[in-house]
């Protein structure tokens, strides 16, 4: 029995080794093919203020990281990505992390998000006010910040945030500072190809909860060369209370897509927006995203009725979102690389 278990374990090791070797060879072939293309990104340099994954990673690291991300892509979508001729939206997200020009150091940096807002629409939209920033995990004491709801965030990644209400008791403050210390120690995205989060100093910020709600709706606009083509409403759940994320997909006119194109998650329950609010949202999203082949422009509607820019995302869900094939194909067609 022991010998049989050993043989099975050895067999799994050999299969894993063969899989990794085969994957690396496939990705190396794709990279070599891209190098030979007439318009290969390897033969060009990015514009000032932009950078690409192929500029950030060494040649050896590029193959390693591409192999890791491609393996995760296959695990999620059941096939390897075609980086030579990407077609679907998720496939183009993966391609763009390594070969597209990304604006730096603004991309992914929550302290610099406001730079994406053109001057001519600043009367329509702003970023949530930042009330505290520090490169250390020490947070303001109760006498250093006004009472109210805030978001404590790390500037350099996704998912590193917590909604809090000041004043905080000593136990909650200590636990939050310990969490902030972990965030600051942790580089983000390097192993997944999201290198741009590592081009600026990591800090902790506290910004205003503009919606004044623990489950506010994010209005995520998919903007292709300055035109809104798709909108996703997203309300984050609270796993502690058994509340799942909610998602509703809309067209550019704020009309829900066909049920077959909706998410498997529960739909967002929302009231129709006034016509002028929808118009201003589209205007702001298109102006903010106009400088890029693709950007997801995430907006919030404040309790005061004003619009706020939450962030720009250039690799939504890291290319791992499971959308209906028709929707992924359609969004891929809109994205001209």
C-alpha atoms as a PDB file:
ATOM      1  CA  UNK A   1       0.000   0.000   0.000  1.00  0.00           C
ATOM      2  CA  UNK A   2       2.794   2.447   0.899  1.00  0.00           C
ATOM      3  CA  UNK A   3       4.538   1.640  -2.393  1.00  0.00           C
ATOM      4  CA  UNK A   4       1.332   2.290  -4.386  1.00  0.00           C
ATOM      5  CA  UNK A   5       0.840   5.676  -2.688  1.00  0.00           C
ATOM      6  CA  UNK A   6       4.465   6.579  -3.430  1.00  0.00           C
ATOM      7  CA  UNK A   7       4.061   5.664  -7.102  1.00  0.00           C
ATOM      8  CA  UNK A   8       0.864   7.709  -7.370  1.00  0.00           C
ATOM      9  CA  UNK A   9       2.536  10.695  -5.736  1.00  0.00           C
ATOM     10  CA  UNK A  10       5.531  10.368  -8.065  1.00  0.00           C
ATOM     11  CA  UNK A  11       3.172  10.166 -11.041  1.00  0.00           C
ATOM     12  CA  UNK A  12       1.447  13.401  -9.977  1.00  0.00           C
ATOM     13  CA  UNK A  13       4.819  15.119  -9.653  1.00  0.00           C
ATOM     14  CA  UNK A  14       5.852  14.058 -13.169  1.00  0.00           C
ATOM     15  CA  UNK A  15       2.488  15.160 -14.597  1.00  0.00           C
ATOM     16  CA  UNK A  16       2.818  18.538 -12.876  1.00  0.00           C
ATOM     17  CA  UNK A  17       6.372  18.950 -14.149  1.00  0.00           C
ATOM     18  CA  UNK A  18       5.308  18.038 -17.694  1.00  0.00           C
ATOM     19  CA  UNK A  19       2.366  20.466 -17.498  1.00  0.00           C
ATOM     20  CA  UNK A  20       4.581  23.355 -16.372  1.00  0.00           C
ATOM     21  CA  UNK A  21       7.210  22.589 -19.008  1.00  0.00           C
ATOM     22  CA  UNK A  22       4.583  22.338 -21.750  1.00  0.00           C
ATOM     23  CA  UNK A  23       2.973  25.592 -20.594  1.00  0.00           C
ATOM     24  CA  UNK A  24       6.274  27.476 -20.580  1.00  0.00           C
ATOM     25  CA  UNK A  25       7.128  26.164 -24.045  1.00  0.00           C
ATOM     26  CA  UNK A  26       3.743  27.296 -25.373  1.00  0.00           C
ATOM     27  CA  UNK A  27       4.123  30.756 -23.873  1.00  0.00           C
ATOM     28  CA  UNK A  28       7.720  31.040 -25.108  1.00  0.00           C
ATOM     29  CA  UNK A  29       6.519  30.213 -28.614  1.00  0.00           C
ATOM     30  CA  UNK A  30       3.839  32.921 -28.363  1.00  0.00           C
ATOM     31  CA  UNK A  31       6.368  35.493 -27.117  1.00  0.00           C
ATOM     32  CA  UNK A  32       8.787  34.601 -29.922  1.00  0.00           C
ATOM     33  CA  UNK A  33       5.968  34.934 -32.460  1.00  0.00           C
ATOM     34  CA  UNK A  34       5.002  38.355 -31.097  1.00  0.00           C
ATOM     35  CA  UNK A  35       8.627  39.467 -31.417  1.00  0.00           C
ATOM     36  CA  UNK A  36       8.503  38.704 -35.151  1.00  0.00           C
ATOM     37  CA  UNK A  37       5.301  40.637 -35.873  1.00  0.00           C
ATOM     38  CA  UNK A  38       5.756  43.745 -38.089  1.00  0.00           C
ATOM     39  CA  UNK A  39       4.141  45.942 -35.410  1.00  0.00           C
ATOM     40  CA  UNK A  40       5.643  44.076 -32.464  1.00  0.00           C
ATOM     41  CA  UNK A  41       5.566  45.992 -29.165  1.00  0.00           C
ATOM     42  CA  UNK A  42       9.104  44.710 -28.616  1.00  0.00           C
ATOM     43  CA  UNK A  43      10.226  47.018 -31.438  1.00  0.00           C
ATOM     44  CA  UNK A  44       8.729  50.188 -29.953  1.00  0.00           C
ATOM     45  CA  UNK A  45       9.060  52.293 -26.814  1.00  0.00           C
ATOM     46  CA  UNK A  46       6.184  53.620 -24.693  1.00  0.00           C
ATOM     47  CA  UNK A  47       5.270  57.304 -24.647  1.00  0.00           C
ATOM     48  CA  UNK A  48       6.552  59.498 -21.838  1.00  0.00           C
ATOM     49  CA  UNK A  49       4.566  58.808 -18.686  1.00  0.00           C
ATOM     50  CA  UNK A  50       3.649  55.286 -19.793  1.00  0.00           C
ATOM     51  CA  UNK A  51       5.208  51.878 -19.262  1.00  0.00           C
ATOM     52  CA  UNK A  52       4.550  48.267 -20.257  1.00  0.00           C
ATOM     53  CA  UNK A  53       4.989  44.879 -18.635  1.00  0.00           C
ATOM     54  CA  UNK A  54       7.727  44.025 -21.124  1.00  0.00           C
ATOM     55  CA  UNK A  55       9.584  47.110 -19.871  1.00  0.00           C
ATOM     56  CA  UNK A  56       9.167  46.140 -16.215  1.00  0.00           C
ATOM     57  CA  UNK A  57       9.922  42.400 -16.146  1.00  0.00           C
ATOM     58  CA  UNK A  58      13.224  40.868 -17.194  1.00  0.00           C
ATOM     59  CA  UNK A  59      13.036  38.349 -20.026  1.00  0.00           C
ATOM     60  CA  UNK A  60      13.161  35.412 -17.598  1.00  0.00           C
ATOM     61  CA  UNK A  61      10.588  36.991 -15.278  1.00  0.00           C
ATOM     62  CA  UNK A  62       8.316  37.791 -18.224  1.00  0.00           C
ATOM     63  CA  UNK A  63       8.104  34.121 -19.208  1.00  0.00           C
ATOM     64  CA  UNK A  64       7.605  33.025 -15.594  1.00  0.00           C
ATOM     65  CA  UNK A  65       4.845  35.530 -14.832  1.00  0.00           C
ATOM     66  CA  UNK A  66       3.139  34.947 -18.168  1.00  0.00           C
ATOM     67  CA  UNK A  67       3.151  31.217 -17.443  1.00  0.00           C
ATOM     68  CA  UNK A  68       1.577  31.776 -14.014  1.00  0.00           C
ATOM     69  CA  UNK A  69      -1.145  34.071 -15.354  1.00  0.00           C
ATOM     70  CA  UNK A  70      -1.849  31.822 -18.348  1.00  0.00           C
ATOM     71  CA  UNK A  71      -2.195  28.789 -16.049  1.00  0.00           C
ATOM     72  CA  UNK A  72      -4.726  30.681 -13.927  1.00  0.00           C
ATOM     73  CA  UNK A  73      -6.517  31.797 -17.087  1.00  0.00           C
ATOM     74  CA  UNK A  74      -6.792  28.182 -18.297  1.00  0.00           C
ATOM     75  CA  UNK A  75      -7.984  27.010 -14.891  1.00  0.00           C
ATOM     76  CA  UNK A  76     -10.744  29.648 -14.979  1.00  0.00           C
ATOM     77  CA  UNK A  77     -11.749  29.604 -18.643  1.00  0.00           C
ATOM     78  CA  UNK A  78     -10.766  26.097 -19.702  1.00  0.00           C
ATOM     79  CA  UNK A  79      -8.248  27.099 -22.364  1.00  0.00           C
ATOM     80  CA  UNK A  80      -4.970  28.906 -22.790  1.00  0.00           C
ATOM     81  CA  UNK A  81      -5.051  32.532 -23.985  1.00  0.00           C
ATOM     82  CA  UNK A  82      -3.903  33.405 -27.494  1.00  0.00           C
ATOM     83  CA  UNK A  83      -1.545  36.348 -26.930  1.00  0.00           C
ATOM     84  CA  UNK A  84      -0.554  36.555 -30.597  1.00  0.00           C
ATOM     85  CA  UNK A  85      -4.110  37.205 -31.806  1.00  0.00           C
ATOM     86  CA  UNK A  86      -6.239  37.963 -28.718  1.00  0.00           C
ATOM     87  CA  UNK A  87      -9.944  38.361 -29.461  1.00  0.00           C
ATOM     88  CA  UNK A  88     -12.095  38.056 -26.323  1.00  0.00           C
ATOM     89  CA  UNK A  89     -12.256  40.745 -23.641  1.00  0.00           C
ATOM     90  CA  UNK A  90     -10.610  38.616 -20.940  1.00  0.00           C
ATOM     91  CA  UNK A  91      -7.914  37.571 -23.402  1.00  0.00           C
ATOM     92  CA  UNK A  92      -7.174  41.210 -24.231  1.00  0.00           C
ATOM     93  CA  UNK A  93      -6.954  42.076 -20.528  1.00  0.00           C
ATOM     94  CA  UNK A  94      -4.232  39.457 -20.148  1.00  0.00           C
ATOM     95  CA  UNK A  95      -2.450  40.719 -23.261  1.00  0.00           C
ATOM     96  CA  UNK A  96      -2.609  44.339 -22.137  1.00  0.00           C
ATOM     97  CA  UNK A  97      -0.920  43.676 -18.771  1.00  0.00           C
ATOM     98  CA  UNK A  98       2.293  42.839 -20.594  1.00  0.00           C
ATOM     99  CA  UNK A  99       2.155  44.605 -23.975  1.00  0.00           C
ATOM    100  CA  UNK A 100      -0.093  47.682 -23.621  1.00  0.00           C
ATOM    101  CA  UNK A 101       1.067  51.079 -22.362  1.00  0.00           C
ATOM    102  CA  UNK A 102      -0.121  51.835 -18.818  1.00  0.00           C
ATOM    103  CA  UNK A 103      -0.144  55.379 -17.404  1.00  0.00           C
ATOM    104  CA  UNK A 104       2.328  55.613 -14.518  1.00  0.00           C
ATOM    105  CA  UNK A 105       2.567  56.420 -11.667  1.00  0.00           C
ATOM    106  CA  UNK A 106      -1.132  57.309 -11.648  1.00  0.00           C
ATOM    107  CA  UNK A 107      -2.523  53.857 -12.492  1.00  0.00           C
ATOM    108  CA  UNK A 108      -3.481  51.956  -9.368  1.00  0.00           C
ATOM    109  CA  UNK A 109      -2.375  54.805  -7.091  1.00  0.00           C
ATOM    110  CA  UNK A 110      -5.344  55.971  -5.038  1.00  0.00           C
ATOM    111  CA  UNK A 111      -3.525  59.191  -4.156  1.00  0.00           C
ATOM    112  CA  UNK A 112      -3.270  60.211  -7.819  1.00  0.00           C
ATOM    113  CA  UNK A 113      -6.689  59.181  -9.153  1.00  0.00           C
ATOM    114  CA  UNK A 114      -7.784  62.817  -9.449  1.00  0.00           C
ATOM    115  CA  UNK A 115      -5.151  63.369 -12.164  1.00  0.00           C
ATOM    116  CA  UNK A 116      -7.361  61.403 -14.554  1.00  0.00           C
ATOM    117  CA  UNK A 117     -10.121  64.040 -14.326  1.00  0.00           C
ATOM    118  CA  UNK A 118      -9.853  66.580 -17.198  1.00  0.00           C
ATOM    119  CA  UNK A 119     -10.134  70.212 -16.110  1.00  0.00           C
ATOM    120  CA  UNK A 120     -13.262  70.849 -18.189  1.00  0.00           C
ATOM    121  CA  UNK A 121     -15.395  68.405 -16.147  1.00  0.00           C
ATOM    122  CA  UNK A 122     -14.122  69.179 -12.644  1.00  0.00           C
ATOM    123  CA  UNK A 123     -17.374  71.045 -12.018  1.00  0.00           C
ATOM    124  CA  UNK A 124     -19.212  67.743 -12.559  1.00  0.00           C
ATOM    125  CA  UNK A 125     -17.066  65.255 -10.647  1.00  0.00           C
ATOM    126  CA  UNK A 126     -14.400  64.975  -7.944  1.00  0.00           C
ATOM    127  CA  UNK A 127     -12.589  62.294  -5.972  1.00  0.00           C
ATOM    128  CA  UNK A 128     -13.611  61.533  -2.373  1.00  0.00           C
ATOM    129  CA  UNK A 129     -11.720  63.839  -0.017  1.00  0.00           C
ATOM    130  CA  UNK A 130      -8.631  62.295   1.584  1.00  0.00           C
ATOM    131  CA  UNK A 131      -8.522  63.111   5.295  1.00  0.00           C
ATOM    132  CA  UNK A 132      -5.333  61.229   6.241  1.00  0.00           C
ATOM    133  CA  UNK A 133      -2.309  59.735   4.564  1.00  0.00           C
ATOM    134  CA  UNK A 134       0.817  58.109   5.953  1.00  0.00           C
ATOM    135  CA  UNK A 135       3.554  55.689   4.945  1.00  0.00           C
ATOM    136  CA  UNK A 136       3.336  54.165   8.446  1.00  0.00           C
ATOM    137  CA  UNK A 137       0.436  52.086   9.809  1.00  0.00           C
ATOM    138  CA  UNK A 138      -0.279  54.592  12.577  1.00  0.00           C
ATOM    139  CA  UNK A 139      -3.827  55.896  12.210  1.00  0.00           C
ATOM    140  CA  UNK A 140      -5.251  59.156  13.521  1.00  0.00           C
ATOM    141  CA  UNK A 141      -6.550  59.216  17.060  1.00  0.00           C
ATOM    142  CA  UNK A 142     -10.093  60.275  17.724  1.00  0.00           C
ATOM    143  CA  UNK A 143      -9.127  63.865  18.410  1.00  0.00           C
ATOM    144  CA  UNK A 144      -7.287  64.072  15.048  1.00  0.00           C
ATOM    145  CA  UNK A 145     -10.224  63.342  12.764  1.00  0.00           C
ATOM    146  CA  UNK A 146     -13.876  64.361  12.764  1.00  0.00           C
ATOM    147  CA  UNK A 147     -16.497  61.792  13.783  1.00  0.00           C
ATOM    148  CA  UNK A 148     -18.078  59.968  10.861  1.00  0.00           C
ATOM    149  CA  UNK A 149     -17.788  57.118   8.367  1.00  0.00           C
ATOM    150  CA  UNK A 150     -14.575  56.664   6.383  1.00  0.00           C
ATOM    151  CA  UNK A 151     -12.686  54.125   4.299  1.00  0.00           C
ATOM    152  CA  UNK A 152      -9.223  53.109   5.442  1.00  0.00           C
ATOM    153  CA  UNK A 153      -7.271  51.892   2.399  1.00  0.00           C
ATOM    154  CA  UNK A 154      -3.877  50.907   1.121  1.00  0.00           C
ATOM    155  CA  UNK A 155      -2.947  52.997  -1.898  1.00  0.00           C
ATOM    156  CA  UNK A 156      -1.395  50.209  -3.918  1.00  0.00           C
ATOM    157  CA  UNK A 157      -3.839  47.383  -4.557  1.00  0.00           C
ATOM    158  CA  UNK A 158      -7.318  45.931  -4.632  1.00  0.00           C
ATOM    159  CA  UNK A 159      -9.311  44.565  -1.721  1.00  0.00           C
ATOM    160  CA  UNK A 160      -7.192  46.280   0.941  1.00  0.00           C
ATOM    161  CA  UNK A 161      -9.774  48.514   2.580  1.00  0.00           C
ATOM    162  CA  UNK A 162     -12.117  48.686   5.546  1.00  0.00           C
ATOM    163  CA  UNK A 163     -15.099  50.908   6.267  1.00  0.00           C
ATOM    164  CA  UNK A 164     -14.853  52.396   9.756  1.00  0.00           C
ATOM    165  CA  UNK A 165     -16.680  54.847  11.943  1.00  0.00           C
ATOM    166  CA  UNK A 166     -14.777  57.338  14.056  1.00  0.00           C
ATOM    167  CA  UNK A 167     -14.439  57.586  17.000  1.00  0.00           C
ATOM    168  CA  UNK A 168     -12.804  54.151  17.359  1.00  0.00           C
ATOM    169  CA  UNK A 169     -12.295  52.259  20.585  1.00  0.00           C
ATOM    170  CA  UNK A 170      -8.733  51.277  21.515  1.00  0.00           C
ATOM    171  CA  UNK A 171      -9.191  47.591  20.578  1.00  0.00           C
ATOM    172  CA  UNK A 172     -10.585  48.379  17.119  1.00  0.00           C
ATOM    173  CA  UNK A 173      -7.863  50.943  16.473  1.00  0.00           C
ATOM    174  CA  UNK A 174      -5.093  48.515  17.417  1.00  0.00           C
ATOM    175  CA  UNK A 175      -6.564  45.760  15.208  1.00  0.00           C
ATOM    176  CA  UNK A 176      -6.915  48.173  12.289  1.00  0.00           C
ATOM    177  CA  UNK A 177      -3.331  49.387  12.630  1.00  0.00           C
ATOM    178  CA  UNK A 178      -2.126  45.772  12.643  1.00  0.00           C
ATOM    179  CA  UNK A 179      -4.069  45.187   9.422  1.00  0.00           C
ATOM    180  CA  UNK A 180      -2.587  48.330   7.865  1.00  0.00           C
ATOM    181  CA  UNK A 181       0.912  47.128   8.765  1.00  0.00           C
ATOM    182  CA  UNK A 182       0.235  43.898   6.851  1.00  0.00           C
ATOM    183  CA  UNK A 183      -0.983  45.859   3.838  1.00  0.00           C
ATOM    184  CA  UNK A 184       2.109  48.052   3.800  1.00  0.00           C
ATOM    185  CA  UNK A 185       4.458  45.059   3.931  1.00  0.00           C
ATOM    186  CA  UNK A 186       2.764  43.396   0.985  1.00  0.00           C
ATOM    187  CA  UNK A 187       3.672  44.154  -2.647  1.00  0.00           C
ATOM    188  CA  UNK A 188       0.620  43.765  -4.838  1.00  0.00           C
ATOM    189  CA  UNK A 189       0.078  42.113  -8.202  1.00  0.00           C
ATOM    190  CA  UNK A 190       3.645  41.251  -9.218  1.00  0.00           C
ATOM    191  CA  UNK A 191       2.903  37.537  -9.599  1.00  0.00           C
ATOM    192  CA  UNK A 192      -0.266  38.281 -11.567  1.00  0.00           C
ATOM    193  CA  UNK A 193       1.217  40.737 -14.043  1.00  0.00           C
ATOM    194  CA  UNK A 194      -0.175  43.854 -12.350  1.00  0.00           C
ATOM    195  CA  UNK A 195       3.268  45.420 -11.995  1.00  0.00           C
ATOM    196  CA  UNK A 196       2.110  49.068 -12.061  1.00  0.00           C
ATOM    197  CA  UNK A 197       0.978  48.883  -8.421  1.00  0.00           C
ATOM    198  CA  UNK A 198       4.658  48.710  -7.449  1.00  0.00           C
ATOM    199  CA  UNK A 199       5.932  51.949  -8.997  1.00  0.00           C
ATOM    200  CA  UNK A 200       5.102  54.246  -6.083  1.00  0.00           C
ATOM    201  CA  UNK A 201       5.466  54.324  -2.318  1.00  0.00           C
ATOM    202  CA  UNK A 202       2.901  52.299  -0.414  1.00  0.00           C
ATOM    203  CA  UNK A 203       0.780  54.403   1.914  1.00  0.00           C
ATOM    204  CA  UNK A 204      -2.352  54.227   4.028  1.00  0.00           C
ATOM    205  CA  UNK A 205      -5.098  56.743   3.334  1.00  0.00           C
ATOM    206  CA  UNK A 206      -8.423  57.553   4.931  1.00  0.00           C
ATOM    207  CA  UNK A 207     -10.992  58.976   2.577  1.00  0.00           C
ATOM    208  CA  UNK A 208     -14.570  60.022   2.960  1.00  0.00           C
ATOM    209  CA  UNK A 209     -17.477  57.603   2.628  1.00  0.00           C
ATOM    210  CA  UNK A 210     -19.314  59.784   0.113  1.00  0.00           C
ATOM    211  CA  UNK A 211     -22.331  57.470  -0.145  1.00  0.00           C
ATOM    212  CA  UNK A 212     -22.695  57.187   3.641  1.00  0.00           C
ATOM    213  CA  UNK A 213     -23.758  53.573   3.205  1.00  0.00           C
ATOM    214  CA  UNK A 214     -22.055  50.236   3.943  1.00  0.00           C
ATOM    215  CA  UNK A 215     -23.430  48.809   0.688  1.00  0.00           C
ATOM    216  CA  UNK A 216     -23.207  51.617  -1.835  1.00  0.00           C
ATOM    217  CA  UNK A 217     -23.490  50.973  -5.581  1.00  0.00           C
ATOM    218  CA  UNK A 218     -20.434  51.345  -7.805  1.00  0.00           C
ATOM    219  CA  UNK A 219     -21.239  52.384 -11.382  1.00  0.00           C
ATOM    220  CA  UNK A 220     -18.537  50.754 -13.509  1.00  0.00           C
ATOM    221  CA  UNK A 221     -18.358  52.186 -17.032  1.00  0.00           C
ATOM    222  CA  UNK A 222     -16.552  50.192 -19.727  1.00  0.00           C
ATOM    223  CA  UNK A 223     -15.081  52.903 -21.944  1.00  0.00           C
ATOM    224  CA  UNK A 224     -13.467  52.106 -25.288  1.00  0.00           C
ATOM    225  CA  UNK A 225     -11.590  54.997 -26.952  1.00  0.00           C
ATOM    226  CA  UNK A 226     -13.791  57.542 -25.237  1.00  0.00           C
ATOM    227  CA  UNK A 227     -17.158  55.812 -25.718  1.00  0.00           C
ATOM    228  CA  UNK A 228     -19.201  54.033 -23.074  1.00  0.00           C
ATOM    229  CA  UNK A 229     -20.272  50.635 -24.398  1.00  0.00           C
ATOM    230  CA  UNK A 230     -21.258  48.792 -21.232  1.00  0.00           C
ATOM    231  CA  UNK A 231     -22.134  49.569 -17.601  1.00  0.00           C
ATOM    232  CA  UNK A 232     -21.946  47.260 -14.604  1.00  0.00           C
ATOM    233  CA  UNK A 233     -23.637  48.026 -11.307  1.00  0.00           C
ATOM    234  CA  UNK A 234     -21.826  46.415  -8.412  1.00  0.00           C
ATOM    235  CA  UNK A 235     -22.803  46.368  -4.761  1.00  0.00           C
ATOM    236  CA  UNK A 236     -20.285  44.580  -2.544  1.00  0.00           C
ATOM    237  CA  UNK A 237     -21.654  42.134  -0.022  1.00  0.00           C
ATOM    238  CA  UNK A 238     -20.620  41.417   3.535  1.00  0.00           C
ATOM    239  CA  UNK A 239     -19.632  37.777   4.005  1.00  0.00           C
ATOM    240  CA  UNK A 240     -19.766  38.209   7.779  1.00  0.00           C
ATOM    241  CA  UNK A 241     -23.517  38.696   7.511  1.00  0.00           C
ATOM    242  CA  UNK A 242     -24.111  36.293   4.627  1.00  0.00           C
ATOM    243  CA  UNK A 243     -24.588  39.104   2.119  1.00  0.00           C
ATOM    244  CA  UNK A 244     -23.312  38.200  -1.386  1.00  0.00           C
ATOM    245  CA  UNK A 245     -22.033  40.627  -3.991  1.00  0.00           C
ATOM    246  CA  UNK A 246     -24.752  41.904  -6.310  1.00  0.00           C
ATOM    247  CA  UNK A 247     -24.198  42.646 -10.007  1.00  0.00           C
ATOM    248  CA  UNK A 248     -26.425  43.988 -12.774  1.00  0.00           C
ATOM    249  CA  UNK A 249     -25.181  44.522 -16.329  1.00  0.00           C
ATOM    250  CA  UNK A 250     -26.555  47.401 -18.392  1.00  0.00           C
ATOM    251  CA  UNK A 251     -26.126  48.772 -21.882  1.00  0.00           C
ATOM    252  CA  UNK A 252     -24.815  52.290 -22.508  1.00  0.00           C
ATOM    253  CA  UNK A 253     -28.331  53.708 -22.059  1.00  0.00           C
ATOM    254  CA  UNK A 254     -28.658  52.203 -18.541  1.00  0.00           C
ATOM    255  CA  UNK A 255     -31.037  49.467 -19.737  1.00  0.00           C
ATOM    256  CA  UNK A 256     -30.535  45.995 -18.217  1.00  0.00           C
ATOM    257  CA  UNK A 257     -29.072  43.440 -20.597  1.00  0.00           C
ATOM    258  CA  UNK A 258     -30.963  40.282 -21.500  1.00  0.00           C
ATOM    259  CA  UNK A 259     -31.137  37.814 -18.569  1.00  0.00           C
ATOM    260  CA  UNK A 260     -28.855  35.430 -20.485  1.00  0.00           C
ATOM    261  CA  UNK A 261     -26.112  38.091 -20.338  1.00  0.00           C
ATOM    262  CA  UNK A 262     -26.444  38.791 -16.629  1.00  0.00           C
ATOM    263  CA  UNK A 263     -24.170  37.622 -13.834  1.00  0.00           C
ATOM    264  CA  UNK A 264     -24.778  34.498 -11.781  1.00  0.00           C
ATOM    265  CA  UNK A 265     -24.746  36.792  -8.752  1.00  0.00           C
ATOM    266  CA  UNK A 266     -27.936  38.337  -7.353  1.00  0.00           C
ATOM    267  CA  UNK A 267     -29.031  41.509  -9.207  1.00  0.00           C
ATOM    268  CA  UNK A 268     -28.560  44.973  -7.757  1.00  0.00           C
ATOM    269  CA  UNK A 269     -31.786  46.526  -6.532  1.00  0.00           C
ATOM    270  CA  UNK A 270     -31.654  50.191  -7.544  1.00  0.00           C
ATOM    271  CA  UNK A 271     -33.933  53.116  -8.244  1.00  0.00           C
ATOM    272  CA  UNK A 272     -33.883  54.657 -11.743  1.00  0.00           C
ATOM    273  CA  UNK A 273     -31.540  57.628 -11.954  1.00  0.00           C
ATOM    274  CA  UNK A 274     -32.626  61.078 -13.127  1.00  0.00           C
ATOM    275  CA  UNK A 275     -31.896  61.719 -16.794  1.00  0.00           C
ATOM    276  CA  UNK A 276     -29.410  64.507 -16.057  1.00  0.00           C
ATOM    277  CA  UNK A 277     -27.495  62.250 -13.616  1.00  0.00           C
ATOM    278  CA  UNK A 278     -27.184  59.510 -16.238  1.00  0.00           C
ATOM    279  CA  UNK A 279     -26.079  62.059 -18.822  1.00  0.00           C
ATOM    280  CA  UNK A 280     -23.440  63.530 -16.503  1.00  0.00           C
ATOM    281  CA  UNK A 281     -22.188  60.034 -15.595  1.00  0.00           C
ATOM    282  CA  UNK A 282     -21.715  59.116 -19.250  1.00  0.00           C
ATOM    283  CA  UNK A 283     -20.048  62.443 -19.998  1.00  0.00           C
ATOM    284  CA  UNK A 284     -17.598  62.096 -17.117  1.00  0.00           C
ATOM    285  CA  UNK A 285     -16.825  58.438 -17.851  1.00  0.00           C
ATOM    286  CA  UNK A 286     -16.160  59.154 -21.527  1.00  0.00           C
ATOM    287  CA  UNK A 287     -13.987  62.195 -20.883  1.00  0.00           C
ATOM    288  CA  UNK A 288     -11.963  60.400 -18.194  1.00  0.00           C
ATOM    289  CA  UNK A 289     -11.505  57.290 -20.330  1.00  0.00           C
ATOM    290  CA  UNK A 290     -10.894  59.121 -23.607  1.00  0.00           C
ATOM    291  CA  UNK A 291      -7.106  58.849 -23.430  1.00  0.00           C
ATOM    292  CA  UNK A 292      -7.026  55.050 -23.440  1.00  0.00           C
ATOM    293  CA  UNK A 293      -7.993  52.207 -25.791  1.00  0.00           C
ATOM    294  CA  UNK A 294      -9.903  50.798 -22.816  1.00  0.00           C
ATOM    295  CA  UNK A 295     -10.506  51.825 -19.226  1.00  0.00           C
ATOM    296  CA  UNK A 296     -13.148  50.861 -16.710  1.00  0.00           C
ATOM    297  CA  UNK A 297     -14.163  54.109 -15.034  1.00  0.00           C
ATOM    298  CA  UNK A 298     -15.768  53.474 -11.642  1.00  0.00           C
ATOM    299  CA  UNK A 299     -18.093  56.192 -10.356  1.00  0.00           C
ATOM    300  CA  UNK A 300     -19.941  56.690  -7.090  1.00  0.00           C
ATOM    301  CA  UNK A 301     -23.061  58.731  -6.449  1.00  0.00           C
ATOM    302  CA  UNK A 302     -22.682  60.618  -3.194  1.00  0.00           C
ATOM    303  CA  UNK A 303     -25.401  61.097  -0.623  1.00  0.00           C
ATOM    304  CA  UNK A 304     -25.091  64.787  -1.518  1.00  0.00           C
ATOM    305  CA  UNK A 305     -26.126  63.949  -5.103  1.00  0.00           C
ATOM    306  CA  UNK A 306     -22.659  64.696  -6.497  1.00  0.00           C
ATOM    307  CA  UNK A 307     -20.565  62.398  -8.667  1.00  0.00           C
ATOM    308  CA  UNK A 308     -17.263  60.973  -7.474  1.00  0.00           C
ATOM    309  CA  UNK A 309     -14.516  59.107  -9.308  1.00  0.00           C
ATOM    310  CA  UNK A 310     -13.572  55.995  -7.329  1.00  0.00           C
ATOM    311  CA  UNK A 311     -10.863  54.601  -9.612  1.00  0.00           C
ATOM    312  CA  UNK A 312      -9.755  53.645 -13.102  1.00  0.00           C
ATOM    313  CA  UNK A 313      -9.216  49.953 -13.705  1.00  0.00           C
ATOM    314  CA  UNK A 314      -7.211  48.648 -16.657  1.00  0.00           C
ATOM    315  CA  UNK A 315      -7.392  44.922 -15.843  1.00  0.00           C
ATOM    316  CA  UNK A 316     -10.886  44.224 -14.458  1.00  0.00           C
ATOM    317  CA  UNK A 317     -10.930  41.036 -12.391  1.00  0.00           C
ATOM    318  CA  UNK A 318      -7.467  40.341 -13.830  1.00  0.00           C
ATOM    319  CA  UNK A 319      -9.083  38.796 -16.908  1.00  0.00           C
ATOM    320  CA  UNK A 320     -10.683  36.050 -14.809  1.00  0.00           C
ATOM    321  CA  UNK A 321     -14.312  37.205 -14.733  1.00  0.00           C
ATOM    322  CA  UNK A 322     -16.723  34.576 -16.035  1.00  0.00           C
ATOM    323  CA  UNK A 323     -18.986  36.449 -18.442  1.00  0.00           C
ATOM    324  CA  UNK A 324     -21.286  34.870 -21.022  1.00  0.00           C
ATOM    325  CA  UNK A 325     -19.273  34.053 -24.157  1.00  0.00           C
ATOM    326  CA  UNK A 326     -21.365  36.413 -26.296  1.00  0.00           C
ATOM    327  CA  UNK A 327     -20.711  39.357 -23.958  1.00  0.00           C
ATOM    328  CA  UNK A 328     -16.981  38.616 -23.648  1.00  0.00           C
ATOM    329  CA  UNK A 329     -16.694  38.382 -27.445  1.00  0.00           C
ATOM    330  CA  UNK A 330     -18.672  41.590 -27.994  1.00  0.00           C
ATOM    331  CA  UNK A 331     -16.587  43.563 -25.482  1.00  0.00           C
ATOM    332  CA  UNK A 332     -13.427  42.138 -27.079  1.00  0.00           C
ATOM    333  CA  UNK A 333     -14.543  43.454 -30.472  1.00  0.00           C
ATOM    334  CA  UNK A 334     -14.961  46.947 -29.006  1.00  0.00           C
ATOM    335  CA  UNK A 335     -11.386  46.956 -27.691  1.00  0.00           C
ATOM    336  CA  UNK A 336      -9.034  47.873 -30.518  1.00  0.00           C
ATOM    337  CA  UNK A 337      -5.490  47.139 -29.345  1.00  0.00           C
END
